[in-house]
C-alpha atoms as a PDB file:
ATOM      1  CA  MET A   1      -5.472  75.606   1.245  1.00  0.00           C
ATOM      2  CA  VAL A   2      -4.436  72.936  -1.064  1.00  0.00           C
ATOM      3  CA  GLY A   3      -4.661  73.919  -4.480  1.00  0.00           C
ATOM      4  CA  LYS A   4      -6.128  71.618  -8.025  1.00  0.00           C
ATOM      5  CA  SER A   5      -2.435  70.330  -9.004  1.00  0.00           C
ATOM      6  CA  GLN A   6      -1.562  69.135  -5.294  1.00  0.00           C
ATOM      7  CA  ARG A   7      -5.144  67.086  -4.739  1.00  0.00           C
ATOM      8  CA  ARG A   8      -4.916  66.047  -8.672  1.00  0.00           C
ATOM      9  CA  HIS A   9      -1.060  64.410  -7.500  1.00  0.00           C
ATOM     10  CA  ARG A  10      -2.584  63.023  -4.339  1.00  0.00           C
ATOM     11  CA  SER A  11      -5.381  61.518  -6.293  1.00  0.00           C
ATOM     12  CA  LYS A  12      -2.680  60.112  -8.869  1.00  0.00           C
ATOM     13  CA  VAL A  13      -0.769  58.543  -5.566  1.00  0.00           C
ATOM     14  CA  THR A  14      -3.490  56.994  -4.271  1.00  0.00           C
ATOM     15  CA  SER A  15      -4.954  55.045  -7.444  1.00  0.00           C
ATOM     16  CA  ARG A  16      -0.987  53.645  -7.896  1.00  0.00           C
ATOM     17  CA  THR A  17      -1.087  52.484  -4.210  1.00  0.00           C
ATOM     18  CA  TRP A  18      -4.400  50.968  -4.825  1.00  0.00           C
ATOM     19  CA  MET A  19      -3.472  49.631  -8.081  1.00  0.00           C
ATOM     20  CA  THR A  20       0.318  48.253  -6.230  1.00  0.00           C
ATOM     21  CA  VAL A  21      -2.196  46.779  -3.399  1.00  0.00           C
ATOM     22  CA  ALA A  22      -4.747  44.874  -6.040  1.00  0.00           C
ATOM     23  CA  LEU A  23      -1.628  43.439  -7.823  1.00  0.00           C
ATOM     24  CA  VAL A  24      -0.071  42.179  -5.060  1.00  0.00           C
ATOM     25  CA  ALA A  25      -2.966  40.611  -3.869  1.00  0.00           C
ATOM     26  CA  SER A  26      -3.840  39.211  -7.332  1.00  0.00           C
ATOM     27  CA  LEU A  27      -0.359  37.456  -7.256  1.00  0.00           C
ATOM     28  CA  GLY A  28      -0.309  36.168  -3.666  1.00  0.00           C
ATOM     29  CA  LEU A  29      -3.296  34.486  -4.815  1.00  0.00           C
ATOM     30  CA  LEU A  30      -2.564  33.026  -7.995  1.00  0.00           C
ATOM     31  CA  ALA A  31       0.462  32.148  -5.781  1.00  0.00           C
ATOM     32  CA  ILE A  32      -1.983  29.856  -3.760  1.00  0.00           C
ATOM     33  CA  ALA A  33      -4.032  28.149  -6.503  1.00  0.00           C
ATOM     34  CA  ILE A  34      -0.544  26.893  -8.076  1.00  0.00           C
ATOM     35  CA  THR A  35       0.534  25.508  -4.571  1.00  0.00           C
ATOM     36  CA  THR A  36      -2.556  23.607  -4.158  1.00  0.00           C
ATOM     37  CA  VAL A  37      -2.804  22.467  -7.641  1.00  0.00           C
ATOM     38  CA  ALA A  38       0.952  21.079  -7.459  1.00  0.00           C
ATOM     39  CA  LEU A  39       0.000  19.336  -4.173  1.00  0.00           C
ATOM     40  CA  SER A  40      -2.568  17.853  -5.248  1.00  0.00           C
ATOM     41  CA  GLN A  41      -0.941  16.368  -8.298  1.00  0.00           C
ATOM     42  CA  GLU A  42       1.735  15.235  -6.086  1.00  0.00           C
ATOM     43  CA  SER A  43      -0.584  13.282  -3.438  1.00  0.00           C
ATOM     44  CA  THR A  44      -2.242   9.946  -3.986  1.00  0.00           C
ATOM     45  CA  PRO A  45      -5.600   9.619  -2.781  1.00  0.00           C
ATOM     46  CA  VAL A  46      -5.986   6.716  -0.422  1.00  0.00           C
ATOM     47  CA  GLU A  47      -8.996   4.622  -0.260  1.00  0.00           C
ATOM     48  CA  ALA A  48     -11.085   3.536   2.799  1.00  0.00           C
ATOM     49  CA  SER A  49     -10.230   0.813   2.508  1.00  0.00           C
ATOM     50  CA  GLY A  50      -6.427   0.631   2.661  1.00  0.00           C
ATOM     51  CA  THR A  51      -5.327   0.268  -0.659  1.00  0.00           C
ATOM     52  CA  VAL A  52      -4.039   2.777  -2.973  1.00  0.00           C
ATOM     53  CA  PRO A  53      -5.627   3.221  -6.379  1.00  0.00           C
ATOM     54  CA  SER A  54      -3.810   2.104  -9.419  1.00  0.00           C
ATOM     55  CA  THR A  55      -0.941   3.945 -11.009  1.00  0.00           C
ATOM     56  CA  SER A  56       0.170   3.713 -14.783  1.00  0.00           C
ATOM     57  CA  PRO A  57       1.487   0.396 -15.897  1.00  0.00           C
ATOM     58  CA  VAL A  58       4.948  -0.349 -16.050  1.00  0.00           C
ATOM     59  CA  ALA A  59       6.111  -1.818 -19.167  1.00  0.00           C
ATOM     60  CA  GLY A  60       6.779  -5.655 -18.655  1.00  0.00           C
ATOM     61  CA  VAL A  61       5.158  -6.372 -15.119  1.00  0.00           C
ATOM     62  CA  LEU A  62       1.610  -6.879 -13.889  1.00  0.00           C
ATOM     63  CA  ASP A  63       1.111  -4.191 -13.154  1.00  0.00           C
ATOM     64  CA  ALA A  64      -2.526  -2.339 -13.898  1.00  0.00           C
ATOM     65  CA  GLY A  65      -3.325  -2.759  -9.849  1.00  0.00           C
ATOM     66  CA  ASN A  66      -2.927  -1.212  -6.981  1.00  0.00           C
ATOM     67  CA  ALA A  67       0.728  -0.025  -6.039  1.00  0.00           C
ATOM     68  CA  GLU A  68       0.956  -0.884  -2.188  1.00  0.00           C
ATOM     69  CA  SER A  69      -1.530  -1.867  -0.310  1.00  0.00           C
ATOM     70  CA  GLU A  70      -2.190  -3.730   3.658  1.00  0.00           C
ATOM     71  CA  ILE A  71      -5.189  -4.424   4.588  1.00  0.00           C
ATOM     72  CA  THR A  72      -6.461  -5.528   8.403  1.00  0.00           C
ATOM     73  CA  ASP A  73      -9.434  -6.954   6.761  1.00  0.00           C
ATOM     74  CA  ILE A  74     -12.819  -9.067   8.145  1.00  0.00           C
ATOM     75  CA  ASN A  75     -13.287 -11.059  11.878  1.00  0.00           C
ATOM     76  CA  THR A  76     -10.629  -9.458  13.502  1.00  0.00           C
ATOM     77  CA  ASP A  77     -10.757 -10.579  16.807  1.00  0.00           C
ATOM     78  CA  SER A  78      -8.774 -12.350  19.552  1.00  0.00           C
ATOM     79  CA  ASP A  79     -10.660 -15.834  18.886  1.00  0.00           C
ATOM     80  CA  ARG A  80     -10.417 -16.035  15.450  1.00  0.00           C
ATOM     81  CA  PRO A  81      -7.157 -17.945  13.610  1.00  0.00           C
ATOM     82  CA  MET A  82      -5.196 -15.202  11.727  1.00  0.00           C
ATOM     83  CA  VAL A  83      -4.552 -15.530   8.265  1.00  0.00           C
ATOM     84  CA  THR A  84      -1.707 -13.289   6.396  1.00  0.00           C
ATOM     85  CA  PHE A  85      -1.792 -13.381   2.212  1.00  0.00           C
ATOM     86  CA  LEU A  86       1.309 -11.253   0.718  1.00  0.00           C
ATOM     87  CA  GLY A  87       1.370 -10.301  -2.625  1.00  0.00           C
ATOM     88  CA  ASP A  88       2.007  -8.946  -6.002  1.00  0.00           C
ATOM     89  CA  SER A  89      -1.366  -7.176  -7.707  1.00  0.00           C
ATOM     90  CA  TYR A  90      -3.477 -10.256  -7.217  1.00  0.00           C
ATOM     91  CA  THR A  91      -3.477  -9.478  -3.962  1.00  0.00           C
ATOM     92  CA  SER A  92      -3.807  -6.040  -3.738  1.00  0.00           C
ATOM     93  CA  GLY A  93      -6.193  -5.626  -6.064  1.00  0.00           C
ATOM     94  CA  SER A  94      -6.576  -3.836  -9.521  1.00  0.00           C
ATOM     95  CA  ARG A  95      -9.597  -2.118 -11.145  1.00  0.00           C
ATOM     96  CA  GLN A  96     -10.665  -5.228 -12.456  1.00  0.00           C
ATOM     97  CA  ASP A  97     -12.408  -6.048  -9.785  1.00  0.00           C
ATOM     98  CA  SER A  98     -15.110  -4.096  -7.460  1.00  0.00           C
ATOM     99  CA  GLY A  99     -12.931  -3.765  -4.124  1.00  0.00           C
ATOM    100  CA  VAL A 100     -11.660  -5.491  -1.041  1.00  0.00           C
ATOM    101  CA  GLU A 101     -15.052  -7.768  -0.307  1.00  0.00           C
ATOM    102  CA  SER A 102     -15.007  -9.195  -3.663  1.00  0.00           C
ATOM    103  CA  ARG A 103     -10.818 -10.161  -3.451  1.00  0.00           C
ATOM    104  CA  TYR A 104      -9.365 -13.760  -2.800  1.00  0.00           C
ATOM    105  CA  PRO A 105      -8.229 -12.652   0.858  1.00  0.00           C
ATOM    106  CA  HIS A 106     -11.609 -11.732   1.817  1.00  0.00           C
ATOM    107  CA  LEU A 107     -13.346 -14.220   0.177  1.00  0.00           C
ATOM    108  CA  LEU A 108     -11.423 -16.755   1.976  1.00  0.00           C
ATOM    109  CA  GLY A 109     -11.917 -15.151   5.486  1.00  0.00           C
ATOM    110  CA  GLU A 110     -15.869 -15.180   5.067  1.00  0.00           C
ATOM    111  CA  ALA A 111     -15.508 -19.012   4.049  1.00  0.00           C
ATOM    112  CA  LEU A 112     -12.917 -19.937   7.156  1.00  0.00           C
ATOM    113  CA  ASP A 113     -14.475 -17.709   9.772  1.00  0.00           C
ATOM    114  CA  VAL A 114     -11.098 -16.523   9.755  1.00  0.00           C
ATOM    115  CA  SER A 115      -9.305 -12.990  10.797  1.00  0.00           C
ATOM    116  CA  VAL A 116      -7.456 -11.365   7.661  1.00  0.00           C
ATOM    117  CA  HIS A 117      -4.613  -9.499   7.058  1.00  0.00           C
ATOM    118  CA  SER A 118      -3.145  -8.716   3.742  1.00  0.00           C
ATOM    119  CA  ALA A 119      -0.098  -6.768   2.255  1.00  0.00           C
ATOM    120  CA  GLY A 120      -0.152  -6.587  -2.028  1.00  0.00           C
ATOM    121  CA  LEU A 121       2.442  -4.335  -4.028  1.00  0.00           C
ATOM    122  CA  GLY A 122       1.904  -4.044  -7.353  1.00  0.00           C
ATOM    123  CA  GLY A 123       4.497  -5.273 -10.312  1.00  0.00           C
ATOM    124  CA  ALA A 124       6.733  -7.259  -7.801  1.00  0.00           C
ATOM    125  CA  GLY A 125       8.363 -10.145  -7.699  1.00  0.00           C
ATOM    126  CA  TYR A 126      10.666 -12.250  -5.426  1.00  0.00           C
ATOM    127  CA  VAL A 127      13.572  -9.887  -7.727  1.00  0.00           C
ATOM    128  CA  ALA A 128      11.236  -7.775  -9.373  1.00  0.00           C
ATOM    129  CA  GLN A 129      10.704  -4.294  -7.576  1.00  0.00           C
ATOM    130  CA  GLY A 130       7.025  -2.975  -8.343  1.00  0.00           C
ATOM    131  CA  THR A 131       5.719   0.381  -8.979  1.00  0.00           C
ATOM    132  CA  SER A 132       6.846   1.174  -5.345  1.00  0.00           C
ATOM    133  CA  LYS A 133      10.261   0.234  -5.496  1.00  0.00           C
ATOM    134  CA  LYS A 134      10.066  -2.615  -3.572  1.00  0.00           C
ATOM    135  CA  ALA A 135      10.185  -6.431  -4.078  1.00  0.00           C
ATOM    136  CA  LEU A 136       7.690  -9.337  -2.078  1.00  0.00           C
ATOM    137  CA  PRO A 137      10.719 -10.005   0.540  1.00  0.00           C
ATOM    138  CA  SER A 138       9.835  -6.443   2.128  1.00  0.00           C
ATOM    139  CA  LEU A 139       6.312  -7.243   2.879  1.00  0.00           C
ATOM    140  CA  VAL A 140       7.598 -10.014   5.222  1.00  0.00           C
ATOM    141  CA  SER A 141       7.292  -6.535   7.891  1.00  0.00           C
ATOM    142  CA  LYS A 142       3.821  -6.670   6.958  1.00  0.00           C
ATOM    143  CA  ILE A 143       3.095 -10.197   8.445  1.00  0.00           C
ATOM    144  CA  HIS A 144       0.163 -10.052  11.335  1.00  0.00           C
ATOM    145  CA  VAL A 145       1.960 -10.443  14.638  1.00  0.00           C
ATOM    146  CA  ASP A 146      -0.689 -13.013  15.626  1.00  0.00           C
ATOM    147  CA  SER A 147      -0.764 -15.064  12.378  1.00  0.00           C
ATOM    148  CA  ASP A 148      -1.488 -18.655  12.484  1.00  0.00           C
ATOM    149  CA  VAL A 149      -0.934 -19.141   8.611  1.00  0.00           C
ATOM    150  CA  VAL A 150       1.257 -16.645   6.081  1.00  0.00           C
ATOM    151  CA  VAL A 151       0.472 -17.539   2.386  1.00  0.00           C
ATOM    152  CA  VAL A 152       2.595 -16.171  -0.538  1.00  0.00           C
ATOM    153  CA  PHE A 153       1.506 -15.628  -3.791  1.00  0.00           C
ATOM    154  CA  GLY A 154       3.486 -14.277  -6.554  1.00  0.00           C
ATOM    155  CA  GLY A 155       6.114 -14.902  -8.792  1.00  0.00           C
ATOM    156  CA  ARG A 156       5.616 -13.543 -12.420  1.00  0.00           C
ATOM    157  CA  ASN A 157       6.944 -11.081 -13.000  1.00  0.00           C
ATOM    158  CA  ASP A 158      10.047 -11.727 -12.144  1.00  0.00           C
ATOM    159  CA  LYS A 159      12.104 -12.504 -15.373  1.00  0.00           C
ATOM    160  CA  VAL A 160      15.743 -12.796 -14.046  1.00  0.00           C
ATOM    161  CA  GLY A 161      16.036 -16.872 -14.599  1.00  0.00           C
ATOM    162  CA  TYR A 162      15.933 -19.887 -11.663  1.00  0.00           C
ATOM    163  CA  GLN A 163      18.850 -18.820  -9.715  1.00  0.00           C
ATOM    164  CA  PRO A 164      18.332 -15.181  -8.675  1.00  0.00           C
ATOM    165  CA  VAL A 165      14.371 -16.254  -8.088  1.00  0.00           C
ATOM    166  CA  HIS A 166      15.707 -19.401  -6.389  1.00  0.00           C
ATOM    167  CA  ASP A 167      17.691 -17.459  -3.688  1.00  0.00           C
ATOM    168  CA  ALA A 168      15.519 -14.014  -3.010  1.00  0.00           C
ATOM    169  CA  ALA A 169      12.230 -16.646  -2.073  1.00  0.00           C
ATOM    170  CA  GLY A 170      14.225 -19.072  -0.551  1.00  0.00           C
ATOM    171  CA  ALA A 171      15.949 -16.054   1.873  1.00  0.00           C
ATOM    172  CA  MET A 172      12.402 -14.540   2.150  1.00  0.00           C
ATOM    173  CA  PHE A 173      10.719 -17.767   3.759  1.00  0.00           C
ATOM    174  CA  THR A 174      13.777 -18.193   5.824  1.00  0.00           C
ATOM    175  CA  GLN A 175      12.400 -14.706   6.830  1.00  0.00           C
ATOM    176  CA  ILE A 176       9.608 -15.869   7.734  1.00  0.00           C
ATOM    177  CA  ARG A 177      10.169 -19.298   9.201  1.00  0.00           C
ATOM    178  CA  ASP A 178      12.866 -17.616  11.781  1.00  0.00           C
ATOM    179  CA  ARG A 179      10.279 -14.426  12.503  1.00  0.00           C
ATOM    180  CA  PHE A 180       7.073 -16.724  12.780  1.00  0.00           C
ATOM    181  CA  PRO A 181       8.262 -20.323  13.528  1.00  0.00           C
ATOM    182  CA  ASN A 182       4.446 -21.546  15.083  1.00  0.00           C
ATOM    183  CA  ALA A 183       2.908 -19.721  11.556  1.00  0.00           C
ATOM    184  CA  ARG A 184       2.262 -22.505   8.459  1.00  0.00           C
ATOM    185  CA  LEU A 185       3.518 -21.313   5.191  1.00  0.00           C
ATOM    186  CA  ILE A 186       1.944 -21.774   2.465  1.00  0.00           C
ATOM    187  CA  VAL A 187       3.339 -20.643  -1.262  1.00  0.00           C
ATOM    188  CA  VAL A 188       1.465 -20.274  -4.234  1.00  0.00           C
ATOM    189  CA  GLY A 189       3.022 -20.418  -7.531  1.00  0.00           C
ATOM    190  CA  PRO A 190       2.149 -17.765 -10.297  1.00  0.00           C
ATOM    191  CA  THR A 191      -0.582 -17.499 -12.286  1.00  0.00           C
ATOM    192  CA  TRP A 192      -0.986 -17.320 -15.694  1.00  0.00           C
ATOM    193  CA  PRO A 193      -4.090 -16.490 -17.212  1.00  0.00           C
ATOM    194  CA  THR A 194      -4.298 -16.968 -20.940  1.00  0.00           C
ATOM    195  CA  SER A 195      -3.078 -19.926 -23.323  1.00  0.00           C
ATOM    196  CA  GLY A 196       0.912 -20.176 -23.870  1.00  0.00           C
ATOM    197  CA  THR A 197       2.584 -20.039 -20.470  1.00  0.00           C
ATOM    198  CA  PRO A 198       5.556 -18.335 -21.276  1.00  0.00           C
ATOM    199  CA  ASP A 199       8.927 -20.102 -20.067  1.00  0.00           C
ATOM    200  CA  PHE A 200      10.366 -17.771 -17.710  1.00  0.00           C
ATOM    201  CA  VAL A 201       6.644 -17.916 -15.864  1.00  0.00           C
ATOM    202  CA  ALA A 202       7.165 -21.783 -15.733  1.00  0.00           C
ATOM    203  CA  GLU A 203      11.246 -21.189 -14.657  1.00  0.00           C
ATOM    204  CA  SER A 204       9.836 -18.614 -12.057  1.00  0.00           C
ATOM    205  CA  ASN A 205       7.178 -21.435 -11.052  1.00  0.00           C
ATOM    206  CA  ARG A 206       9.949 -24.553 -10.635  1.00  0.00           C
ATOM    207  CA  ALA A 207      12.105 -21.667  -8.884  1.00  0.00           C
ATOM    208  CA  ILE A 208       9.473 -20.377  -5.925  1.00  0.00           C
ATOM    209  CA  HIS A 209       8.251 -24.706  -5.914  1.00  0.00           C
ATOM    210  CA  ASP A 210      11.926 -25.543  -4.953  1.00  0.00           C
ATOM    211  CA  ALA A 211      12.698 -23.040  -2.471  1.00  0.00           C
ATOM    212  CA  ALA A 212       9.197 -23.118  -0.512  1.00  0.00           C
ATOM    213  CA  VAL A 213      10.169 -27.437  -0.243  1.00  0.00           C
ATOM    214  CA  ALA A 214      13.715 -26.415   1.314  1.00  0.00           C
ATOM    215  CA  GLN A 215      11.712 -24.671   3.689  1.00  0.00           C
ATOM    216  CA  GLY A 216       9.188 -27.336   4.679  1.00  0.00           C
ATOM    217  CA  ALA A 217       6.335 -24.990   3.406  1.00  0.00           C
ATOM    218  CA  THR A 218       3.473 -26.603   1.200  1.00  0.00           C
ATOM    219  CA  PHE A 219       3.592 -25.169  -2.393  1.00  0.00           C
ATOM    220  CA  VAL A 220       0.717 -24.661  -5.152  1.00  0.00           C
ATOM    221  CA  ASP A 221       1.066 -24.701  -8.281  1.00  0.00           C
ATOM    222  CA  ALA A 222      -1.203 -21.744  -9.933  1.00  0.00           C
ATOM    223  CA  VAL A 223      -0.389 -21.579 -13.145  1.00  0.00           C
ATOM    224  CA  ASP A 224      -3.407 -22.610 -14.701  1.00  0.00           C
ATOM    225  CA  TRP A 225      -5.931 -21.180 -12.520  1.00  0.00           C
ATOM    226  CA  LEU A 226      -7.448 -18.623 -14.478  1.00  0.00           C
ATOM    227  CA  LYS A 227      -7.090 -20.388 -17.715  1.00  0.00           C
ATOM    228  CA  ALA A 228     -10.755 -22.066 -17.899  1.00  0.00           C
ATOM    229  CA  ASP A 229     -12.821 -19.184 -18.468  1.00  0.00           C
ATOM    230  CA  PRO A 230     -12.177 -15.808 -20.257  1.00  0.00           C
ATOM    231  CA  GLY A 231     -14.174 -14.211 -17.743  1.00  0.00           C
ATOM    232  CA  LEU A 232     -12.235 -15.060 -15.073  1.00  0.00           C
ATOM    233  CA  VAL A 233      -9.788 -12.273 -15.949  1.00  0.00           C
ATOM    234  CA  GLY A 234     -10.606  -8.696 -16.576  1.00  0.00           C
ATOM    235  CA  ASP A 235     -10.526  -6.464 -19.189  1.00  0.00           C
ATOM    236  CA  ASP A 236      -6.830  -5.919 -19.443  1.00  0.00           C
ATOM    237  CA  LYS A 237      -6.432  -9.890 -20.050  1.00  0.00           C
ATOM    238  CA  VAL A 238      -4.330  -9.783 -16.579  1.00  0.00           C
ATOM    239  CA  HIS A 239      -5.875  -9.104 -13.143  1.00  0.00           C
ATOM    240  CA  PRO A 240      -8.284 -11.440 -11.957  1.00  0.00           C
ATOM    241  CA  SER A 241     -12.230 -10.033 -12.043  1.00  0.00           C
ATOM    242  CA  ASP A 242     -14.413 -10.530  -9.268  1.00  0.00           C
ATOM    243  CA  ALA A 243     -15.128 -13.866 -10.485  1.00  0.00           C
ATOM    244  CA  GLY A 244     -11.655 -14.259 -11.255  1.00  0.00           C
ATOM    245  CA  HIS A 245     -10.983 -13.628  -7.385  1.00  0.00           C
ATOM    246  CA  ALA A 246     -13.964 -15.904  -6.573  1.00  0.00           C
ATOM    247  CA  ARG A 247     -11.978 -18.916  -8.300  1.00  0.00           C
ATOM    248  CA  LEU A 248      -8.876 -18.143  -6.505  1.00  0.00           C
ATOM    249  CA  ALA A 249     -10.506 -18.074  -2.753  1.00  0.00           C
ATOM    250  CA  GLU A 250     -12.497 -21.658  -4.092  1.00  0.00           C
ATOM    251  CA  LEU A 251      -9.228 -23.351  -5.152  1.00  0.00           C
ATOM    252  CA  LEU A 252      -7.539 -21.838  -2.310  1.00  0.00           C
ATOM    253  CA  GLU A 253      -9.956 -22.552   0.755  1.00  0.00           C
ATOM    254  CA  PRO A 254      -8.594 -26.377   0.919  1.00  0.00           C
ATOM    255  CA  VAL A 255      -5.410 -25.350   1.296  1.00  0.00           C
ATOM    256  CA  VAL A 256      -5.622 -22.847   3.968  1.00  0.00           C
ATOM    257  CA  GLN A 257      -8.397 -25.063   5.807  1.00  0.00           C
ATOM    258  CA  SER A 258      -5.882 -27.564   6.099  1.00  0.00           C
ATOM    259  CA  ALA A 259      -2.552 -25.482   7.033  1.00  0.00           C
ATOM    260  CA  LEU A 260      -5.359 -24.182  10.193  1.00  0.00           C
ATOM    261  CA  GLN A 261      -6.045 -27.571  11.241  1.00  0.00           C
ATOM    262  CA  PRO A 262      -4.247 -28.303  14.703  1.00  0.00           C
END
C-alpha cells in the first residue's frame, strides 16, 4: 500500500508538472503573438489597385504619396494603342485623391479610349531617390512592351542644379529611345502648384527641357498647371486633388492625342 506521505509527494510532483506545462504553453503563445505583431508591422499592405499605401514624408521632397506603384489600367486589349506614364507621386497617387480611377492616367485612358500602363515613385526625381530608394530612370524597365506613347512626368524633387538633372534625364530618354524606338516620347516638366515657383524647380524644368529636345521628344512645360485654383491641390498643398488630376488630364489630352496620330 502507498502511504500518505508518498501520495502527498506524488501530488506535489504532479502539480509541479502541470504548472511547468502551463508555463511553457503560455510562453509559446506569447512568442507567437510577438512574431505576428512584428510581421504585421514589417509588411506593407498592397491595395487591390496595385498601389502601395502612402508612407511618411521625407524632408524636402514630394512625398505624401504612394511610395511605388505599377498599374496596368483600363482597356488593356491589343486592338487599342498603349500609353505608358512614368513619374513621381503625381503619377503613383496620394491620399489627396480618391484612387486609381480619379488619377490623370486613368482619366486620359477613358478620354482617348486607349490602354494605359503607369508606374510611379513617390518622392523621386531624375536624380533624387524617393521613399523606395529609386530615381525616375529606374522606371524605364516598367514601360509596357507594347507602348505606342511613353509619357515621363516629373522633376520637382530634384534640387541638385542644372547639369546633374540634365545628364540624368538625357540618359533616361536615351534608354527609352533605344529600347522603344517606335514609341513617341512626351516629357512633362515639373509642376509647382503654389505661387512663387522656386529657382530649383525652374532650373530643373530648363534642364529637362533641354534633355528632351536633344532626344527629339515633345516637351510640355507644366510648371503653372495647378496654380489657377487652390481646389486643384489637396490639403497637403502639394499633391493634386481629384479636380487637379482632372485638370492634368485635360491639359495632357491634346498632347497625347497628337502623339497617337500616325
